[in-house]
Each structure stands twice: as C-alpha cells, then as structure tokens.
Amino acid sequence: MNTYSGMKAIVIGLARSGVAAAWLLHRKGASVDITDSKPADLLEERIKTLPEGTGLFLGGHDGVSLGQYGLAVISPGVPWDSPFPSSVRKAGVEMISEIELACRHISAPIIAITGSNGKSTTTTLIGRILQGMGKRVFVGGNLGEPLCDAATGNYDWVVAEVSSFQLEGIKTFRPKISVITNITADHLDRHGNMELYARLKSRVFEYQGEGDTVILNAADPGSTSLQPQSTVRIFRFNAQPRDGQGIVWAEEGSVYFDIPGHESGKLFNRDELLIKGPHNLENAMAAALCALAAGADPRAIIDATCAFRGLPHRMELVGEINGVKFYNDSKGTNVDATLKSLAGFDGDVALIAGGSSKGADFAPLAEEIKKRAKGVALIGETAPQIEKALGDYSPKGIVKTMEEAVALAASWLSPGDSVLLSPACASFDMYKNFEDRGQVFGRAVAALERR
C-alpha cells in the first residue's frame, strides 16, 4: 500500500470527501493542508473534524505555495478546470480525485456505479443484496460515506456510487465490476457538452482489464455506443424483451437471467417490486445483474430486491390527503430523471418542477407534461423557462414557495390522483441540496394536511 511519509499534500475543498481525504493522507504519514474558497466562519463544523495539525487556507487560496506539495486531492464540488486547480496542475503537482486516492489504499474488490440517473438506488440495492448474503460490504462514495472511509475497514466488497466530477481525476481507478445505469443530458453547466460528459462517465471502465466486468444498459442509447476494453467481460441488462442483448431482461411482466456457462431462470415479477416506475425496474435489473456477476445467489437477489422500499427523495410516498398521494422525487435533478418518473403516471398527476439551471432543454419535459399531467406548479429560477416551453398548456402557474406549489398542485386533483415533486433541476437556487428541498416538500404536505 502507498504511504506518504514525509510528503506534503493539499486537499482542495473542505466538503465531506475533503475531510475524508485529509484523514487518509494523515494516516498514511502526509502533512496535510486544506484550501477552500469559503471563509472559516462558514466551515466551522468541518474544521472541527479535521486531523490535528491540518493547515488551513480559507476564504480563497492566497498564501498557498504550490512548490511544496507532492500531491493534491480535489473534491468533486470543485471544477477540475477552475483557476486554482488549473494552477496546481501547471505547477507540476499531481492532482487526483478523492476516489483515486481511496482506490490506492483499498484491498477489497470495488463495484463502481455511475450514470445520469438511478446511481444511488442501484448502489444501495447492490449493497443490500450482498449484505443479505452475509458479506461485509461498504456502501458509499458519491452516496453517503466518502470512498476514502473504506480504506480503513475490512470488507469483502466496496460498493461505490461515482460521479462524472469524481471520474475527472482518476489515474488508476479499477473496479472489479463497473455499472453504467444510463447516460442522458446532465451537468452540462459544468462539462459543457454531452460528448465530454459521456466520455467522463465511460472512464469508470477505463482501467479495467482481464477478469473485470462492465455492465451496461442495452435499452439506453447513451450507453450502447460505449466501447470498453476488449479483454473485459461485458454484460447488459434490458428492460425490453431479450432480443439477444440482455443477460438480465424483462418480458411479459417478469425479469429473467441467463449467465453464459452458469445458471439461468426467473428472478421476479415486475409487480413484486415495491419501488415505483419503469426507471426503478431498470435500477433493479442493473443491481441484480451486478450481484450475479459478483457471485450472488439468485434467491438472495430476489429476497433483497422485492423487499427494497427505495431511498428518501426518490419517488418516496410522503403522505396522502383526501385520497391524493404525494410523492417526493427531489432527486430528480435533470430532465431525463423527471421524464422517467412521470412515465409511472398516466394523466393522474400534478407536477411540481423548477429550480436552478443546468443548461437543460425543457422541450422534452414539456411534451411529456402535456401527455401525462393534470397541471404544473413551477418554482425557482428556471420556472419562466419551463413555462415558456409549455406554451399554451394549462393549468400551470409560477409560485414563490414550496408551500404554495403543493397547495396549487393539489387544487387540481381528485381522489386517486397524485402530486409529484420531480423538479428536473438542481436545488441550489432555493435550498442547500436536494435533501433539503425534499424535506421542505414533506413539511409542506404535512402543513396542507393540517388545514
């Protein structure tokens, strides 16, 4: 294992992954500094969790002398090509992401899951299946605990959600199994275009080779053109009838598997899943195929998958008032995610959408709304853009608060209908994050019930 005894390292960004990276570097013998553009008074709680002796350059990067560092670890929230990271690379300092640092110190096989949508659900479900078999499993990465935290444990498997931001800074990151759930437009405000975004996603299998497995979505146009190394084993899942393209596939209401050289059979019926929507069927299939590739018993896959109730803020049922159900899909932070959530309804839903912009085209969302929604309540900075895309569609309205959005959406509905918060946008114009937005939605539903 690598050690950094005598090395001086700098961590760029004092978020959760930055703290984890600082601790791992510290344990491996490095002298660690951290820099962040935010001032110290906004980072007090994070500062308290750092190793003793950590140097701090806060409120900007003044005073950082790059010539003294042998390694820089960049947090995912800091753009790779922003001015300070660019100056780090120009100074000749090796700069890597937190997941690259972590993988250099993890001995257990890694399962890495990426994609535009469904990453967190798929990651969590894979972990549940393996844990149900009695395996010691770390589940984290972009979801929950940073990957650096896995370097200090004794695990049979490390299951990690990884983002395009994290994959920007890898140099040796080699999962035993990689999964790409889908690739659709997202984070174009940061990456600029779909070509770069897709290329970053495909880096999840860049360093895989003989003995490794890549899992792809046969029904996803963004994934079908990807070309992993010829030495890896490629498995595909397919929510459509098999048609020669699926190792796990759906047909006539059931999900089947057929691993070449091994066993085959039926896994579960679609109506046995507790998680709602066609996108969650794909997530369940991706998780099942990954678990099979990891050696899981089909019975363990069936038990864990059919008991799985999903994650908070992802098609989460948070209440029912006078026969109207309220679903929190705050994690629907891009257009494709919201399209997939809407696909689970058929003219019996009012949508709450809008938030901070990622440079998305809202025309496809408008078309789906016209087919499936009884009305749309719009919030946040993108509300005027979505309203314009909707044209003469009615009813629709722009409101200032989540409470107003919930009340307006509910006013259009009858018993048996649903209100769906699936914003198709990021949350940072009005909320700390998507979790905060989902919690505000839940409180607004509770307040409406008390009226």
Protein backbone atom coordinates (compact mmCIF):
# COMPACT_ATOMS: atom_id res chain seq x y z
CA MET A 1 0.00 0.00 0.00
CA ASN A 2 1.15 3.54 -0.75
CA THR A 3 2.40 5.64 2.11
CA TYR A 4 3.06 9.35 2.07
CA SER A 5 5.58 9.61 4.88
CA GLY A 6 7.41 12.89 4.62
CA MET A 7 5.16 14.20 1.82
CA LYS A 8 3.22 17.42 1.99
CA ALA A 9 -0.25 17.19 0.40
CA ILE A 10 -3.04 19.69 -0.19
CA VAL A 11 -6.77 18.96 -0.32
CA ILE A 12 -8.86 21.33 -2.45
CA GLY A 13 -12.33 21.73 -0.99
CA LEU A 14 -13.44 21.22 2.61
CA ALA A 15 -16.57 19.20 1.98
CA ARG A 16 -17.25 15.70 3.31
CA SER A 17 -14.93 14.00 0.83
CA GLY A 18 -12.23 16.56 1.53
CA VAL A 19 -12.30 15.75 5.23
CA ALA A 20 -12.10 12.01 4.47
CA ALA A 21 -9.17 12.57 2.11
CA ALA A 22 -7.35 14.64 4.73
CA TRP A 23 -7.72 11.86 7.30
CA LEU A 24 -6.49 9.15 4.91
CA LEU A 25 -3.46 11.22 3.92
CA HIS A 26 -2.77 11.95 7.59
CA ARG A 27 -2.95 8.24 8.50
CA LYS A 28 -0.54 7.44 5.66
CA GLY A 29 2.04 9.87 7.01
CA ALA A 30 1.47 13.01 4.95
CA SER A 31 1.49 16.55 6.25
CA VAL A 32 -1.86 17.93 5.10
CA ASP A 33 -3.16 21.38 4.20
CA ILE A 34 -6.69 22.21 3.06
CA THR A 35 -7.84 25.16 0.98
CA ASP A 36 -11.39 26.30 0.26
CA SER A 37 -12.90 29.42 -1.28
CA LYS A 38 -15.41 29.68 1.57
CA PRO A 39 -14.43 31.66 4.68
CA ALA A 40 -13.69 29.96 8.00
CA ASP A 41 -16.96 31.07 9.67
CA LEU A 42 -18.94 29.02 7.13
CA LEU A 43 -16.77 25.94 7.67
CA GLU A 44 -16.53 25.81 11.46
CA GLU A 45 -18.18 22.39 11.86
CA ARG A 46 -16.00 20.81 9.16
CA ILE A 47 -12.82 22.32 10.63
CA LYS A 48 -13.55 20.65 13.98
CA THR A 49 -13.46 17.21 12.32
CA LEU A 50 -10.01 17.58 10.73
CA PRO A 51 -6.83 15.85 11.94
CA GLU A 52 -4.82 17.86 14.42
CA GLY A 53 -2.19 19.96 12.71
CA THR A 54 -4.02 20.37 9.39
CA GLY A 55 -3.03 23.63 7.73
CA LEU A 56 -5.88 25.85 6.53
CA PHE A 57 -6.11 28.33 3.66
CA LEU A 58 -9.70 29.53 3.68
CA GLY A 59 -11.68 32.31 2.06
CA GLY A 60 -9.63 31.78 -1.10
CA HIS A 61 -6.24 30.35 -1.93
CA ASP A 62 -3.95 33.24 -1.01
CA GLY A 63 -0.81 32.09 0.73
CA VAL A 64 -0.75 28.63 -0.86
CA SER A 65 2.79 27.95 -2.10
CA LEU A 66 2.35 25.15 -4.62
CA GLY A 67 6.02 24.25 -4.88
CA GLN A 68 5.97 22.48 -1.51
CA TYR A 69 3.32 19.86 -2.39
CA GLY A 70 3.82 16.41 -3.79
CA LEU A 71 0.11 15.64 -4.17
CA ALA A 72 -3.20 17.50 -4.48
CA VAL A 73 -6.60 15.87 -3.93
CA ILE A 74 -9.55 17.73 -5.43
CA SER A 75 -13.07 17.46 -4.04
CA PRO A 76 -15.86 16.72 -6.56
CA GLY A 77 -17.59 20.04 -5.94
CA VAL A 78 -14.57 21.95 -7.26
CA PRO A 79 -14.47 22.16 -11.08
CA TRP A 80 -11.36 20.49 -12.50
CA ASP A 81 -10.62 23.39 -14.88
CA SER A 82 -11.35 26.26 -12.48
CA PRO A 83 -8.46 28.70 -11.86
CA PHE A 84 -6.84 27.26 -8.73
CA PRO A 85 -6.85 23.56 -9.78
CA SER A 86 -5.50 24.66 -13.16
CA SER A 87 -2.64 26.46 -11.44
CA VAL A 88 -1.96 23.32 -9.36
CA ARG A 89 -1.52 21.22 -12.49
CA LYS A 90 0.50 23.94 -14.20
CA ALA A 91 2.88 23.90 -11.23
CA GLY A 92 3.51 20.20 -11.88
CA VAL A 93 1.73 18.92 -8.76
CA GLU A 94 -0.01 15.58 -9.24
CA MET A 95 -3.75 16.24 -8.81
CA ILE A 96 -6.22 13.39 -8.30
CA SER A 97 -9.80 12.93 -7.15
CA GLU A 98 -10.77 11.57 -3.76
CA ILE A 99 -11.89 8.25 -5.29
CA GLU A 100 -8.48 7.83 -6.92
CA LEU A 101 -6.78 8.41 -3.57
CA ALA A 102 -9.14 5.91 -1.96
CA CYS A 103 -8.67 3.14 -4.52
CA ARG A 104 -4.90 3.21 -3.99
CA HIS A 105 -5.50 2.08 -0.40
CA ILE A 106 -8.48 -0.30 -0.71
CA SER A 107 -7.71 -4.02 -0.86
CA ALA A 108 -11.29 -5.30 -1.32
CA PRO A 109 -12.78 -5.60 -4.83
CA ILE A 110 -14.65 -2.46 -5.85
CA ILE A 111 -18.04 -2.25 -7.56
CA ALA A 112 -18.43 1.22 -9.09
CA ILE A 113 -21.80 2.52 -10.25
CA THR A 114 -22.24 5.62 -12.37
CA GLY A 115 -24.86 7.03 -14.73
CA SER A 116 -27.08 10.07 -15.09
CA ASN A 117 -29.96 8.60 -13.11
CA GLY A 118 -30.53 5.64 -10.81
CA LYS A 119 -27.00 5.50 -9.36
CA SER A 120 -27.97 5.79 -5.72
CA THR A 121 -30.85 3.33 -5.86
CA THR A 122 -28.75 0.80 -7.77
CA THR A 123 -25.76 1.24 -5.45
CA THR A 124 -27.86 0.80 -2.32
CA LEU A 125 -29.67 -2.25 -3.67
CA ILE A 126 -26.41 -3.97 -4.67
CA GLY A 127 -25.17 -3.40 -1.14
CA ARG A 128 -28.38 -4.82 0.35
CA ILE A 129 -28.13 -7.97 -1.77
CA LEU A 130 -24.51 -8.65 -0.82
CA GLN A 131 -25.16 -7.84 2.84
CA GLY A 132 -28.09 -10.24 2.77
CA MET A 133 -25.59 -12.96 1.86
CA GLY A 134 -23.59 -12.19 5.00
CA LYS A 135 -20.85 -10.27 3.19
CA ARG A 136 -19.01 -7.37 4.82
CA VAL A 137 -19.91 -4.51 2.49
CA PHE A 138 -19.01 -0.82 2.41
CA VAL A 139 -21.63 1.27 0.58
CA GLY A 140 -20.75 4.87 -0.17
CA GLY A 141 -18.74 7.08 -2.49
CA ASN A 142 -20.83 9.85 -4.01
CA LEU A 143 -23.65 8.40 -1.89
CA GLY A 144 -23.24 8.63 1.89
CA GLU A 145 -19.76 7.98 3.28
CA PRO A 146 -16.79 9.09 1.12
CA LEU A 147 -14.81 6.32 -0.52
CA CYS A 148 -11.68 7.18 1.47
CA ASP A 149 -13.51 5.89 4.56
CA ALA A 150 -13.46 2.39 3.03
CA ALA A 151 -9.65 2.34 3.16
CA THR A 152 -9.68 1.82 6.92
CA GLY A 153 -12.13 -1.12 7.07
CA ASN A 154 -12.05 -4.84 6.45
CA TYR A 155 -14.58 -5.55 3.69
CA ASP A 156 -15.48 -8.32 1.27
CA TRP A 157 -16.83 -5.77 -1.23
CA VAL A 158 -16.72 -1.99 -1.61
CA VAL A 159 -19.80 -0.70 -3.47
CA ALA A 160 -19.36 2.89 -4.59
CA GLU A 161 -21.51 5.37 -6.44
CA VAL A 162 -19.19 7.56 -8.52
CA SER A 163 -19.98 10.78 -10.39
CA SER A 164 -18.58 12.40 -13.51
CA PHE A 165 -16.97 15.00 -11.23
CA GLN A 166 -15.08 12.28 -9.37
CA LEU A 167 -14.10 10.42 -12.53
CA GLU A 168 -12.38 13.53 -13.91
CA GLY A 169 -9.44 12.95 -11.60
CA ILE A 170 -8.68 9.21 -11.82
CA LYS A 171 -5.39 7.70 -12.97
CA THR A 172 -5.55 4.04 -11.88
CA PHE A 173 -9.12 3.58 -10.58
CA ARG A 174 -10.01 -0.02 -11.46
CA PRO A 175 -13.27 -1.53 -10.24
CA LYS A 176 -13.77 -5.27 -10.36
CA ILE A 177 -17.27 -4.56 -11.67
CA SER A 178 -18.43 -1.27 -13.20
CA VAL A 179 -22.05 -0.36 -13.88
CA ILE A 180 -23.40 2.44 -16.08
CA THR A 181 -27.14 2.80 -15.49
CA ASN A 182 -27.74 5.25 -18.38
CA ILE A 183 -26.26 8.38 -19.95
CA THR A 184 -28.55 11.34 -20.61
CA ALA A 185 -28.06 15.11 -20.50
CA ASP A 186 -26.90 16.32 -17.08
CA HIS A 187 -24.30 18.69 -15.61
CA LEU A 188 -23.87 20.44 -18.94
CA ASP A 189 -23.41 23.68 -16.99
CA ARG A 190 -20.10 22.21 -15.78
CA HIS A 191 -18.98 19.86 -18.56
CA GLY A 192 -20.19 21.99 -21.48
CA ASN A 193 -21.37 19.27 -23.87
CA MET A 194 -22.69 15.73 -23.99
CA GLU A 195 -19.56 14.36 -25.66
CA LEU A 196 -17.33 15.30 -22.74
CA TYR A 197 -19.95 14.25 -20.18
CA ALA A 198 -20.33 10.78 -21.76
CA ARG A 199 -16.56 10.39 -22.03
CA LEU A 200 -16.16 11.16 -18.33
CA LYS A 201 -18.85 8.61 -17.43
CA SER A 202 -17.10 5.96 -19.52
CA ARG A 203 -13.92 6.50 -17.52
CA VAL A 204 -15.43 4.19 -14.91
CA PHE A 205 -14.17 1.26 -17.02
CA GLU A 206 -11.07 2.97 -18.48
CA TYR A 207 -8.59 1.00 -16.37
CA GLN A 208 -10.49 -2.29 -16.25
CA GLY A 209 -8.99 -5.33 -17.95
CA GLU A 210 -8.94 -9.09 -17.97
CA GLY A 211 -11.05 -10.61 -15.22
CA ASP A 212 -13.18 -7.46 -14.79
CA THR A 213 -16.84 -6.92 -15.74
CA VAL A 214 -18.63 -3.95 -17.32
CA ILE A 215 -22.43 -3.76 -17.02
CA LEU A 216 -24.36 -1.59 -19.50
CA ASN A 217 -27.99 -0.75 -20.26
CA ALA A 218 -28.90 -2.31 -23.63
CA ALA A 219 -32.00 -0.10 -23.95
CA ASP A 220 -30.19 3.20 -23.30
CA PRO A 221 -28.93 4.99 -26.44
CA GLY A 222 -26.28 6.86 -24.44
CA SER A 223 -24.73 3.58 -23.28
CA THR A 224 -24.92 1.39 -26.37
CA SER A 225 -22.10 3.16 -28.21
CA LEU A 226 -19.58 2.80 -25.37
CA GLN A 227 -16.57 0.61 -26.10
CA PRO A 228 -14.89 -0.99 -23.06
CA GLN A 229 -11.56 -2.77 -23.39
CA SER A 230 -11.81 -5.98 -25.43
CA THR A 231 -10.42 -8.01 -22.53
CA VAL A 232 -13.26 -7.22 -20.12
CA ARG A 233 -16.47 -9.21 -19.76
CA ILE A 234 -19.47 -7.15 -20.93
CA PHE A 235 -22.92 -7.90 -19.52
CA ARG A 236 -26.06 -5.99 -20.50
CA PHE A 237 -29.46 -5.64 -18.88
CA ASN A 238 -32.53 -4.84 -20.94
CA ALA A 239 -35.95 -3.66 -19.80
CA GLN A 240 -37.28 -4.79 -23.18
CA PRO A 241 -37.67 -8.40 -24.37
CA ARG A 242 -34.26 -10.04 -24.61
CA ASP A 243 -33.60 -9.75 -28.37
CA GLY A 244 -30.10 -11.10 -27.89
CA GLN A 245 -28.99 -8.05 -25.91
CA GLY A 246 -29.65 -8.98 -22.31
CA ILE A 247 -28.10 -11.21 -19.70
CA VAL A 248 -30.92 -9.93 -17.46
CA TRP A 249 -34.07 -8.88 -19.29
CA ALA A 250 -37.79 -8.17 -18.82
CA GLU A 251 -40.50 -9.96 -20.70
CA GLU A 252 -44.24 -10.36 -20.17
CA GLY A 253 -44.16 -8.83 -16.72
CA SER A 254 -41.22 -10.83 -15.37
CA VAL A 255 -37.45 -10.47 -15.12
CA TYR A 256 -35.19 -13.32 -16.24
CA PHE A 257 -31.45 -14.02 -16.20
CA ASP A 258 -29.10 -16.18 -18.22
CA ILE A 259 -25.40 -16.08 -17.35
CA PRO A 260 -23.39 -17.89 -20.04
CA GLY A 261 -21.77 -21.01 -18.64
CA HIS A 262 -23.77 -20.74 -15.43
CA GLU A 263 -27.41 -20.96 -14.42
CA SER A 264 -30.50 -19.27 -15.82
CA GLY A 265 -34.05 -18.68 -14.70
CA LYS A 266 -36.63 -16.21 -13.48
CA LEU A 267 -35.83 -13.61 -10.83
CA PHE A 268 -39.06 -11.74 -10.00
CA ASN A 269 -42.27 -10.30 -11.39
CA ARG A 270 -42.42 -6.56 -12.05
CA ASP A 271 -45.43 -6.21 -9.76
CA GLU A 272 -43.43 -7.69 -6.87
CA LEU A 273 -41.22 -4.59 -6.76
CA LEU A 274 -42.08 -2.03 -4.10
CA ILE A 275 -40.21 0.74 -5.94
CA LYS A 276 -42.42 2.55 -8.45
CA GLY A 277 -41.84 3.32 -12.13
CA PRO A 278 -40.11 1.88 -15.20
CA HIS A 279 -36.81 3.54 -14.25
CA ASN A 280 -36.79 1.61 -10.98
CA LEU A 281 -37.31 -1.62 -12.91
CA GLU A 282 -34.08 -0.79 -14.75
CA ASN A 283 -32.34 0.01 -11.46
CA ALA A 284 -33.44 -3.33 -10.01
CA MET A 285 -32.23 -5.18 -13.10
CA ALA A 286 -28.85 -3.43 -13.04
CA ALA A 287 -28.43 -4.32 -9.37
CA ALA A 288 -29.47 -7.92 -9.95
CA LEU A 289 -27.04 -8.36 -12.84
CA CYS A 290 -24.21 -6.80 -10.86
CA ALA A 291 -24.91 -9.07 -7.91
CA LEU A 292 -24.93 -12.11 -10.22
CA ALA A 293 -21.57 -11.02 -11.62
CA ALA A 294 -20.30 -10.77 -8.04
CA GLY A 295 -21.38 -14.35 -7.35
CA ALA A 296 -24.64 -13.69 -5.53
CA ASP A 297 -27.22 -16.42 -5.18
CA PRO A 298 -30.43 -15.73 -7.16
CA ARG A 299 -32.50 -16.32 -4.02
CA ALA A 300 -30.61 -13.57 -2.18
CA ILE A 301 -31.22 -11.23 -5.13
CA ILE A 302 -34.94 -11.98 -5.15
CA ASP A 303 -35.32 -11.53 -1.38
CA ALA A 304 -33.43 -8.23 -1.17
CA THR A 305 -34.89 -6.71 -4.34
CA CYS A 306 -38.51 -7.48 -3.57
CA ALA A 307 -38.13 -6.12 -0.01
CA PHE A 308 -36.44 -2.89 -1.08
CA ARG A 309 -38.57 0.22 -0.50
CA GLY A 310 -36.27 2.71 -2.19
CA LEU A 311 -34.38 5.74 -0.90
CA PRO A 312 -35.60 9.03 0.54
CA HIS A 313 -36.28 11.73 -2.07
CA ARG A 314 -36.58 9.18 -4.88
CA MET A 315 -40.25 8.52 -5.64
CA GLU A 316 -40.86 8.46 -1.89
CA LEU A 317 -44.50 8.45 -0.80
CA VAL A 318 -44.62 11.09 1.95
CA GLY A 319 -48.34 11.46 2.51
CA GLU A 320 -51.93 11.04 1.38
CA ILE A 321 -54.65 13.67 1.81
CA ASN A 322 -58.26 13.02 0.84
CA GLY A 323 -57.20 10.22 -1.48
CA VAL A 324 -54.42 12.23 -3.18
CA LYS A 325 -50.90 10.78 -2.83
CA PHE A 326 -47.81 12.99 -2.55
CA TYR A 327 -44.51 11.70 -3.97
CA ASN A 328 -41.13 13.24 -3.15
CA ASP A 329 -38.76 12.78 -6.10
CA SER A 330 -36.48 15.70 -5.21
CA LYS A 331 -33.52 13.67 -6.52
CA GLY A 332 -34.99 14.19 -9.98
CA THR A 333 -32.43 16.87 -10.73
CA ASN A 334 -32.39 16.60 -14.53
CA VAL A 335 -34.95 16.39 -17.30
CA ASP A 336 -34.45 12.70 -18.04
CA ALA A 337 -34.97 11.75 -14.38
CA THR A 338 -38.28 13.61 -14.31
CA LEU A 339 -39.36 12.06 -17.62
CA LYS A 340 -38.80 8.60 -16.17
CA SER A 341 -40.71 9.45 -13.00
CA LEU A 342 -43.62 10.89 -14.98
CA ALA A 343 -43.75 7.71 -17.04
CA GLY A 344 -45.15 5.93 -13.99
CA PHE A 345 -48.32 8.05 -14.21
CA ASP A 346 -50.98 8.37 -16.89
CA GLY A 347 -52.94 11.60 -16.71
CA ASP A 348 -53.48 11.37 -12.96
CA VAL A 349 -50.65 13.56 -11.63
CA ALA A 350 -49.84 17.21 -10.96
CA LEU A 351 -46.15 18.03 -11.23
CA ILE A 352 -44.04 20.44 -9.19
CA ALA A 353 -40.91 21.38 -11.16
CA GLY A 354 -38.21 24.03 -11.41
CA GLY A 355 -35.00 25.01 -9.65
CA SER A 356 -31.50 26.10 -10.56
CA SER A 357 -30.37 25.68 -14.13
CA LYS A 358 -28.02 23.03 -15.51
CA GLY A 359 -28.32 24.31 -19.06
CA ALA A 360 -31.04 21.79 -19.94
CA ASP A 361 -33.52 21.80 -22.81
CA PHE A 362 -37.03 21.69 -21.33
CA ALA A 363 -38.85 20.91 -24.59
CA PRO A 364 -38.92 17.11 -23.98
CA LEU A 365 -40.25 17.72 -20.47
CA ALA A 366 -43.00 19.96 -21.80
CA GLU A 367 -44.10 17.29 -24.27
CA GLU A 368 -44.34 14.64 -21.55
CA ILE A 369 -46.21 17.00 -19.24
CA LYS A 370 -48.79 17.60 -21.95
CA LYS A 371 -49.34 13.83 -22.23
CA ARG A 372 -49.42 12.91 -18.56
CA ALA A 373 -50.05 15.82 -16.17
CA LYS A 374 -53.22 17.49 -14.95
CA GLY A 375 -51.25 20.63 -14.09
CA VAL A 376 -47.80 22.03 -13.30
CA ALA A 377 -46.72 24.24 -10.42
CA LEU A 378 -43.36 25.90 -11.13
CA ILE A 379 -40.79 27.23 -8.68
CA GLY A 380 -37.24 28.53 -8.76
CA GLU A 381 -35.10 30.34 -11.31
CA THR A 382 -36.00 28.03 -14.21
CA ALA A 383 -39.76 28.45 -13.75
CA PRO A 384 -40.08 31.03 -16.56
CA GLN A 385 -38.10 28.78 -18.96
CA ILE A 386 -40.33 25.78 -18.27
CA GLU A 387 -43.46 27.92 -18.50
CA LYS A 388 -42.30 29.17 -21.92
CA ALA A 389 -41.60 25.60 -23.10
CA LEU A 390 -45.14 24.60 -22.08
CA GLY A 391 -46.69 27.20 -24.38
CA ASP A 392 -50.48 27.31 -24.09
CA TYR A 393 -50.65 24.21 -21.85
CA SER A 394 -52.98 24.70 -18.90
CA PRO A 395 -53.29 24.71 -15.95
CA LYS A 396 -49.87 25.95 -14.92
CA GLY A 397 -48.60 28.56 -12.52
CA ILE A 398 -45.41 30.07 -11.12
CA VAL A 399 -45.25 30.33 -7.34
CA LYS A 400 -42.62 31.54 -4.87
CA THR A 401 -42.62 28.84 -2.20
CA MET A 402 -42.92 25.08 -1.90
CA GLU A 403 -46.00 25.51 0.28
CA GLU A 404 -47.73 27.44 -2.49
CA ALA A 405 -46.64 24.83 -5.04
CA VAL A 406 -48.07 21.94 -3.02
CA ALA A 407 -51.37 23.72 -2.43
CA LEU A 408 -51.72 24.73 -6.10
CA ALA A 409 -50.90 21.26 -7.42
CA ALA A 410 -53.33 19.60 -5.01
CA SER A 411 -56.11 22.01 -6.00
CA TRP A 412 -56.27 20.47 -9.48
CA LEU A 413 -56.68 16.86 -8.31
CA SER A 414 -59.30 14.32 -7.28
CA PRO A 415 -59.10 11.21 -5.07
CA GLY A 416 -56.87 8.64 -6.74
CA ASP A 417 -54.57 11.28 -8.24
CA SER A 418 -51.03 12.19 -7.16
CA VAL A 419 -48.80 15.21 -6.63
CA LEU A 420 -45.23 14.62 -7.81
CA LEU A 421 -42.27 16.78 -6.83
CA SER A 422 -39.72 15.98 -9.54
CA PRO A 423 -38.01 19.28 -10.33
CA ALA A 424 -35.86 18.36 -13.39
CA CYS A 425 -33.40 20.90 -11.98
CA ALA A 426 -30.80 21.31 -9.26
CA SER A 427 -31.84 22.77 -5.92
CA PHE A 428 -29.23 25.39 -5.16
CA ASP A 429 -31.30 28.46 -6.08
CA MET A 430 -33.59 27.96 -3.07
CA TYR A 431 -32.24 25.08 -0.96
CA LYS A 432 -29.00 23.67 0.45
CA ASN A 433 -29.35 20.47 -1.58
CA PHE A 434 -31.96 18.07 -2.95
CA GLU A 435 -32.44 16.52 0.51
CA ASP A 436 -33.32 19.92 1.97
CA ARG A 437 -35.77 20.52 -0.88
CA GLY A 438 -37.41 17.15 -0.31
CA GLN A 439 -37.73 17.80 3.42
CA VAL A 440 -39.37 21.18 2.75
CA PHE A 441 -41.80 19.39 0.43
CA GLY A 442 -42.63 16.88 3.16
CA ARG A 443 -43.30 19.67 5.65
CA ALA A 444 -45.49 21.48 3.11
CA VAL A 445 -47.57 18.31 2.64
CA ALA A 446 -47.92 17.94 6.40
CA ALA A 447 -48.99 21.58 6.71
CA LEU A 448 -51.60 21.12 3.97
CA GLU A 449 -52.98 18.10 5.81
CA ARG A 450 -53.42 20.18 8.98
CA ARG A 451 -55.54 22.80 7.24
